[in-house]
Amino acid sequence: MLDEIVKAGRYLGQSMRLMVGLPEYGTYVTHMENTHPGEPMMSYEEFFKERQEARYGGNGRVGRCC
């Protein structure tokens, strides 16, 4: 029962971070280690910048509107 509560808390926290646009670097690192061992991994700063550009675009504008 306690394990299920902890797991639900983790999922809730991850969902909240995704809703406000905070990238999950730890999830990325785990994925890279498990799925692509030996391949180069982005630093936190590179990862954060890449996620921000993917979300907002690389055109220098913050908003998505005109």
PDB file of N, CA and C in Angstrom:
ATOM      1  N   MET A   1       0.823  -1.196   0.000  1.00  0.00           N
ATOM      2  CA  MET A   1       0.000   0.000   0.000  1.00  0.00           C
ATOM      3  C   MET A   1       0.864   1.255   0.000  1.00  0.00           C
ATOM      4  N   LEU A   2       1.871   1.301   0.858  1.00  0.00           N
ATOM      5  CA  LEU A   2       2.755   2.452   0.917  1.00  0.00           C
ATOM      6  C   LEU A   2       3.503   2.628  -0.405  1.00  0.00           C
ATOM      7  N   ASP A   3       3.937   1.516  -1.002  1.00  0.00           N
ATOM      8  CA  ASP A   3       4.622   1.581  -2.294  1.00  0.00           C
ATOM      9  C   ASP A   3       3.734   2.209  -3.359  1.00  0.00           C
ATOM     10  N   GLU A   4       2.447   1.869  -3.340  1.00  0.00           N
ATOM     11  CA  GLU A   4       1.515   2.428  -4.315  1.00  0.00           C
ATOM     12  C   GLU A   4       1.333   3.920  -4.114  1.00  0.00           C
ATOM     13  N   ILE A   5       1.311   4.369  -2.859  1.00  0.00           N
ATOM     14  CA  ILE A   5       1.176   5.795  -2.565  1.00  0.00           C
ATOM     15  C   ILE A   5       2.413   6.546  -3.031  1.00  0.00           C
ATOM     16  N   VAL A   6       3.590   5.990  -2.774  1.00  0.00           N
ATOM     17  CA  VAL A   6       4.840   6.617  -3.205  1.00  0.00           C
ATOM     18  C   VAL A   6       4.884   6.701  -4.728  1.00  0.00           C
ATOM     19  N   LYS A   7       4.510   5.624  -5.397  1.00  0.00           N
ATOM     20  CA  LYS A   7       4.496   5.601  -6.860  1.00  0.00           C
ATOM     21  C   LYS A   7       3.515   6.636  -7.409  1.00  0.00           C
ATOM     22  N   ALA A   8       2.325   6.727  -6.817  1.00  0.00           N
ATOM     23  CA  ALA A   8       1.330   7.711  -7.251  1.00  0.00           C
ATOM     24  C   ALA A   8       1.861   9.127  -7.041  1.00  0.00           C
ATOM     25  N   GLY A   9       2.564   9.346  -5.941  1.00  0.00           N
ATOM     26  CA  GLY A   9       3.158  10.658  -5.680  1.00  0.00           C
ATOM     27  C   GLY A   9       4.198  11.032  -6.723  1.00  0.00           C
ATOM     28  N   ARG A  10       5.005  10.053  -7.123  1.00  0.00           N
ATOM     29  CA  ARG A  10       6.007  10.302  -8.164  1.00  0.00           C
ATOM     30  C   ARG A  10       5.349  10.685  -9.483  1.00  0.00           C
ATOM     31  N   TYR A  11       4.317   9.922  -9.853  1.00  0.00           N
ATOM     32  CA  TYR A  11       3.605  10.219 -11.104  1.00  0.00           C
ATOM     33  C   TYR A  11       2.924  11.578 -11.046  1.00  0.00           C
ATOM     34  N   LEU A  12       2.353  11.908  -9.906  1.00  0.00           N
ATOM     35  CA  LEU A  12       1.710  13.209  -9.751  1.00  0.00           C
ATOM     36  C   LEU A  12       2.731  14.332  -9.879  1.00  0.00           C
ATOM     37  N   GLY A  13       3.868  14.173  -9.223  1.00  0.00           N
ATOM     38  CA  GLY A  13       4.927  15.175  -9.317  1.00  0.00           C
ATOM     39  C   GLY A  13       5.425  15.343 -10.743  1.00  0.00           C
ATOM     40  N   GLN A  14       5.623  14.239 -11.436  1.00  0.00           N
ATOM     41  CA  GLN A  14       6.081  14.300 -12.820  1.00  0.00           C
ATOM     42  C   GLN A  14       5.035  14.985 -13.691  1.00  0.00           C
ATOM     43  N   SER A  15       3.775  14.658 -13.476  1.00  0.00           N
ATOM     44  CA  SER A  15       2.700  15.274 -14.256  1.00  0.00           C
ATOM     45  C   SER A  15       2.647  16.780 -14.021  1.00  0.00           C
ATOM     46  N   MET A  16       2.792  17.190 -12.773  1.00  0.00           N
ATOM     47  CA  MET A  16       2.766  18.619 -12.443  1.00  0.00           C
ATOM     48  C   MET A  16       3.931  19.347 -13.118  1.00  0.00           C
ATOM     49  N   ARG A  17       5.123  18.745 -13.086  1.00  0.00           N
ATOM     50  CA  ARG A  17       6.275  19.380 -13.720  1.00  0.00           C
ATOM     51  C   ARG A  17       6.068  19.495 -15.232  1.00  0.00           C
ATOM     52  N   LEU A  18       5.511  18.470 -15.844  1.00  0.00           N
ATOM     53  CA  LEU A  18       5.257  18.511 -17.283  1.00  0.00           C
ATOM     54  C   LEU A  18       4.207  19.555 -17.628  1.00  0.00           C
ATOM     55  N   MET A  19       3.200  19.723 -16.769  1.00  0.00           N
ATOM     56  CA  MET A  19       2.141  20.700 -17.033  1.00  0.00           C
ATOM     57  C   MET A  19       2.676  22.129 -17.016  1.00  0.00           C
ATOM     58  N   VAL A  20       3.662  22.404 -16.177  1.00  0.00           N
ATOM     59  CA  VAL A  20       4.215  23.752 -16.122  1.00  0.00           C
ATOM     60  C   VAL A  20       5.464  23.888 -16.978  1.00  0.00           C
ATOM     61  N   GLY A  21       5.833  22.839 -17.666  1.00  0.00           N
ATOM     62  CA  GLY A  21       6.929  22.918 -18.623  1.00  0.00           C
ATOM     63  C   GLY A  21       8.316  22.672 -18.071  1.00  0.00           C
ATOM     64  N   LEU A  22       8.436  22.079 -16.894  1.00  0.00           N
ATOM     65  CA  LEU A  22       9.761  21.770 -16.359  1.00  0.00           C
ATOM     66  C   LEU A  22      10.218  20.421 -16.900  1.00  0.00           C
ATOM     67  N   PRO A  23      11.329  20.392 -17.584  1.00  0.00           N
ATOM     68  CA  PRO A  23      11.803  19.136 -18.157  1.00  0.00           C
ATOM     69  C   PRO A  23      12.313  18.168 -17.099  1.00  0.00           C
ATOM     70  N   GLU A  24      12.253  16.896 -17.408  1.00  0.00           N
ATOM     71  CA  GLU A  24      12.682  15.836 -16.503  1.00  0.00           C
ATOM     72  C   GLU A  24      14.058  15.318 -16.917  1.00  0.00           C
ATOM     73  N   TYR A  25      15.106  15.946 -16.420  1.00  0.00           N
ATOM     74  CA  TYR A  25      16.454  15.547 -16.789  1.00  0.00           C
ATOM     75  C   TYR A  25      16.777  14.139 -16.287  1.00  0.00           C
ATOM     76  N   GLY A  26      16.339  13.804 -15.084  1.00  0.00           N
ATOM     77  CA  GLY A  26      16.597  12.471 -14.528  1.00  0.00           C
ATOM     78  C   GLY A  26      16.004  11.364 -15.386  1.00  0.00           C
ATOM     79  N   THR A  27      14.805  11.607 -15.915  1.00  0.00           N
ATOM     80  CA  THR A  27      14.166  10.630 -16.796  1.00  0.00           C
ATOM     81  C   THR A  27      14.965  10.482 -18.080  1.00  0.00           C
ATOM     82  N   TYR A  28      15.452  11.596 -18.608  1.00  0.00           N
ATOM     83  CA  TYR A  28      16.278  11.573 -19.813  1.00  0.00           C
ATOM     84  C   TYR A  28      17.563  10.773 -19.576  1.00  0.00           C
ATOM     85  N   VAL A  29      18.229  11.033 -18.446  1.00  0.00           N
ATOM     86  CA  VAL A  29      19.484  10.332 -18.134  1.00  0.00           C
ATOM     87  C   VAL A  29      19.239   8.823 -18.019  1.00  0.00           C
ATOM     88  N   THR A  30      18.187   8.440 -17.307  1.00  0.00           N
ATOM     89  CA  THR A  30      17.857   7.024 -17.153  1.00  0.00           C
ATOM     90  C   THR A  30      17.575   6.383 -18.509  1.00  0.00           C
ATOM     91  N   HIS A  31      16.817   7.084 -19.345  1.00  0.00           N
ATOM     92  CA  HIS A  31      16.516   6.574 -20.691  1.00  0.00           C
ATOM     93  C   HIS A  31      17.800   6.384 -21.497  1.00  0.00           C
ATOM     94  N   MET A  32      18.666   7.373 -21.473  1.00  0.00           N
ATOM     95  CA  MET A  32      19.916   7.282 -22.243  1.00  0.00           C
ATOM     96  C   MET A  32      20.783   6.130 -21.741  1.00  0.00           C
ATOM     97  N   GLU A  33      20.882   5.971 -20.432  1.00  0.00           N
ATOM     98  CA  GLU A  33      21.705   4.891 -19.868  1.00  0.00           C
ATOM     99  C   GLU A  33      21.155   3.514 -20.225  1.00  0.00           C
ATOM    100  N   ASN A  34      19.837   3.383 -20.197  1.00  0.00           N
ATOM    101  CA  ASN A  34      19.217   2.077 -20.443  1.00  0.00           C
ATOM    102  C   ASN A  34      19.059   1.756 -21.927  1.00  0.00           C
ATOM    103  N   THR A  35      18.778   2.757 -22.739  1.00  0.00           N
ATOM    104  CA  THR A  35      18.439   2.522 -24.139  1.00  0.00           C
ATOM    105  C   THR A  35      19.589   2.808 -25.096  1.00  0.00           C
ATOM    106  N   HIS A  36      20.422   3.771 -24.751  1.00  0.00           N
ATOM    107  CA  HIS A  36      21.504   4.188 -25.641  1.00  0.00           C
ATOM    108  C   HIS A  36      22.844   4.240 -24.898  1.00  0.00           C
ATOM    109  N   PRO A  37      23.257   3.140 -24.278  1.00  0.00           N
ATOM    110  CA  PRO A  37      24.523   3.177 -23.523  1.00  0.00           C
ATOM    111  C   PRO A  37      25.700   3.484 -24.446  1.00  0.00           C
ATOM    112  N   GLY A  38      26.598   4.284 -23.939  1.00  0.00           N
ATOM    113  CA  GLY A  38      27.788   4.623 -24.710  1.00  0.00           C
ATOM    114  C   GLY A  38      27.611   5.816 -25.630  1.00  0.00           C
ATOM    115  N   GLU A  39      26.382   6.266 -25.852  1.00  0.00           N
ATOM    116  CA  GLU A  39      26.167   7.448 -26.691  1.00  0.00           C
ATOM    117  C   GLU A  39      26.335   8.703 -25.846  1.00  0.00           C
ATOM    118  N   PRO A  40      26.743   9.806 -26.475  1.00  0.00           N
ATOM    119  CA  PRO A  40      26.911  11.054 -25.714  1.00  0.00           C
ATOM    120  C   PRO A  40      25.584  11.503 -25.100  1.00  0.00           C
ATOM    121  N   MET A  41      25.684  12.087 -23.913  1.00  0.00           N
ATOM    122  CA  MET A  41      24.510  12.547 -23.192  1.00  0.00           C
ATOM    123  C   MET A  41      24.615  14.065 -23.007  1.00  0.00           C
ATOM    124  N   MET A  42      23.495  14.758 -23.177  1.00  0.00           N
ATOM    125  CA  MET A  42      23.487  16.209 -22.986  1.00  0.00           C
ATOM    126  C   MET A  42      23.690  16.544 -21.514  1.00  0.00           C
ATOM    127  N   SER A  43      24.344  17.671 -21.264  1.00  0.00           N
ATOM    128  CA  SER A  43      24.425  18.187 -19.897  1.00  0.00           C
ATOM    129  C   SER A  43      23.045  18.716 -19.517  1.00  0.00           C
ATOM    130  N   TYR A  44      22.852  19.025 -18.249  1.00  0.00           N
ATOM    131  CA  TYR A  44      21.560  19.562 -17.819  1.00  0.00           C
ATOM    132  C   TYR A  44      21.252  20.850 -18.577  1.00  0.00           C
ATOM    133  N   GLU A  45      22.256  21.711 -18.731  1.00  0.00           N
ATOM    134  CA  GLU A  45      22.052  22.979 -19.422  1.00  0.00           C
ATOM    135  C   GLU A  45      21.657  22.761 -20.878  1.00  0.00           C
ATOM    136  N   GLU A  46      22.324  21.839 -21.562  1.00  0.00           N
ATOM    137  CA  GLU A  46      21.982  21.528 -22.957  1.00  0.00           C
ATOM    138  C   GLU A  46      20.573  20.950 -23.051  1.00  0.00           C
ATOM    139  N   PHE A  47      20.248  20.044 -22.125  1.00  0.00           N
ATOM    140  CA  PHE A  47      18.933  19.422 -22.110  1.00  0.00           C
ATOM    141  C   PHE A  47      17.847  20.466 -21.890  1.00  0.00           C
ATOM    142  N   PHE A  48      18.057  21.349 -20.910  1.00  0.00           N
ATOM    143  CA  PHE A  48      17.073  22.377 -20.594  1.00  0.00           C
ATOM    144  C   PHE A  48      16.859  23.295 -21.791  1.00  0.00           C
ATOM    145  N   LYS A  49      17.932  23.723 -22.425  1.00  0.00           N
ATOM    146  CA  LYS A  49      17.831  24.605 -23.594  1.00  0.00           C
ATOM    147  C   LYS A  49      17.098  23.903 -24.742  1.00  0.00           C
ATOM    148  N   GLU A  50      17.415  22.642 -24.985  1.00  0.00           N
ATOM    149  CA  GLU A  50      16.765  21.889 -26.062  1.00  0.00           C
ATOM    150  C   GLU A  50      15.271  21.759 -25.801  1.00  0.00           C
ATOM    151  N   ARG A  51      14.892  21.483 -24.542  1.00  0.00           N
ATOM    152  CA  ARG A  51      13.466  21.353 -24.192  1.00  0.00           C
ATOM    153  C   ARG A  51      12.738  22.688 -24.324  1.00  0.00           C
ATOM    154  N   GLN A  52      13.397  23.776 -23.918  1.00  0.00           N
ATOM    155  CA  GLN A  52      12.784  25.098 -24.046  1.00  0.00           C
ATOM    156  C   GLN A  52      12.567  25.459 -25.506  1.00  0.00           C
ATOM    157  N   GLU A  53      13.551  25.173 -26.352  1.00  0.00           N
ATOM    158  CA  GLU A  53      13.412  25.454 -27.783  1.00  0.00           C
ATOM    159  C   GLU A  53      12.331  24.584 -28.406  1.00  0.00           C
ATOM    160  N   ALA A  54      12.228  23.339 -27.969  1.00  0.00           N
ATOM    161  CA  ALA A  54      11.183  22.453 -28.493  1.00  0.00           C
ATOM    162  C   ALA A  54       9.803  22.951 -28.084  1.00  0.00           C
ATOM    163  N   ARG A  55       9.710  23.495 -26.890  1.00  0.00           N
ATOM    164  CA  ARG A  55       8.412  23.960 -26.400  1.00  0.00           C
ATOM    165  C   ARG A  55       8.025  25.309 -26.981  1.00  0.00           C
ATOM    166  N   TYR A  56       8.966  26.255 -27.014  1.00  0.00           N
ATOM    167  CA  TYR A  56       8.644  27.626 -27.399  1.00  0.00           C
ATOM    168  C   TYR A  56       9.169  28.019 -28.765  1.00  0.00           C
ATOM    169  N   GLY A  57       9.980  27.178 -29.368  1.00  0.00           N
ATOM    170  CA  GLY A  57      10.554  27.507 -30.665  1.00  0.00           C
ATOM    171  C   GLY A  57      11.862  28.251 -30.499  1.00  0.00           C
ATOM    172  N   GLY A  58      12.678  28.189 -31.497  1.00  0.00           N
ATOM    173  CA  GLY A  58      13.994  28.819 -31.431  1.00  0.00           C
ATOM    174  C   GLY A  58      14.032  30.179 -32.100  1.00  0.00           C
ATOM    175  N   ASN A  59      12.889  30.856 -32.198  1.00  0.00           N
ATOM    176  CA  ASN A  59      12.846  32.124 -32.917  1.00  0.00           C
ATOM    177  C   ASN A  59      13.084  33.330 -32.025  1.00  0.00           C
ATOM    178  N   GLY A  60      13.398  33.126 -30.759  1.00  0.00           N
ATOM    179  CA  GLY A  60      13.683  34.239 -29.857  1.00  0.00           C
ATOM    180  C   GLY A  60      12.448  34.835 -29.206  1.00  0.00           C
ATOM    181  N   ARG A  61      11.262  34.462 -29.649  1.00  0.00           N
ATOM    182  CA  ARG A  61      10.023  34.967 -29.053  1.00  0.00           C
ATOM    183  C   ARG A  61       9.601  34.010 -27.944  1.00  0.00           C
ATOM    184  N   VAL A  62       9.075  34.554 -26.871  1.00  0.00           N
ATOM    185  CA  VAL A  62       8.661  33.717 -25.753  1.00  0.00           C
ATOM    186  C   VAL A  62       7.283  33.125 -26.002  1.00  0.00           C
ATOM    187  N   GLY A  63       6.364  33.908 -26.511  1.00  0.00           N
ATOM    188  CA  GLY A  63       5.001  33.434 -26.709  1.00  0.00           C
ATOM    189  C   GLY A  63       4.840  32.693 -28.023  1.00  0.00           C
ATOM    190  N   ARG A  64       3.707  32.023 -28.169  1.00  0.00           N
ATOM    191  CA  ARG A  64       3.417  31.295 -29.400  1.00  0.00           C
ATOM    192  C   ARG A  64       2.538  32.119 -30.342  1.00  0.00           C
ATOM    193  N   CYS A  65       2.090  33.243 -29.872  1.00  0.00           N
ATOM    194  CA  CYS A  65       1.184  34.059 -30.663  1.00  0.00           C
ATOM    195  C   CYS A  65       1.990  34.965 -31.609  1.00  0.00           C
ATOM    196  N   CYS A  66       1.272  35.645 -32.492  1.00  0.00           N
ATOM    197  CA  CYS A  66       1.889  36.553 -33.467  1.00  0.00           C
ATOM    198  C   CYS A  66       2.866  37.427 -32.753  1.00  0.00           C
TER     199      CYS A  66
END
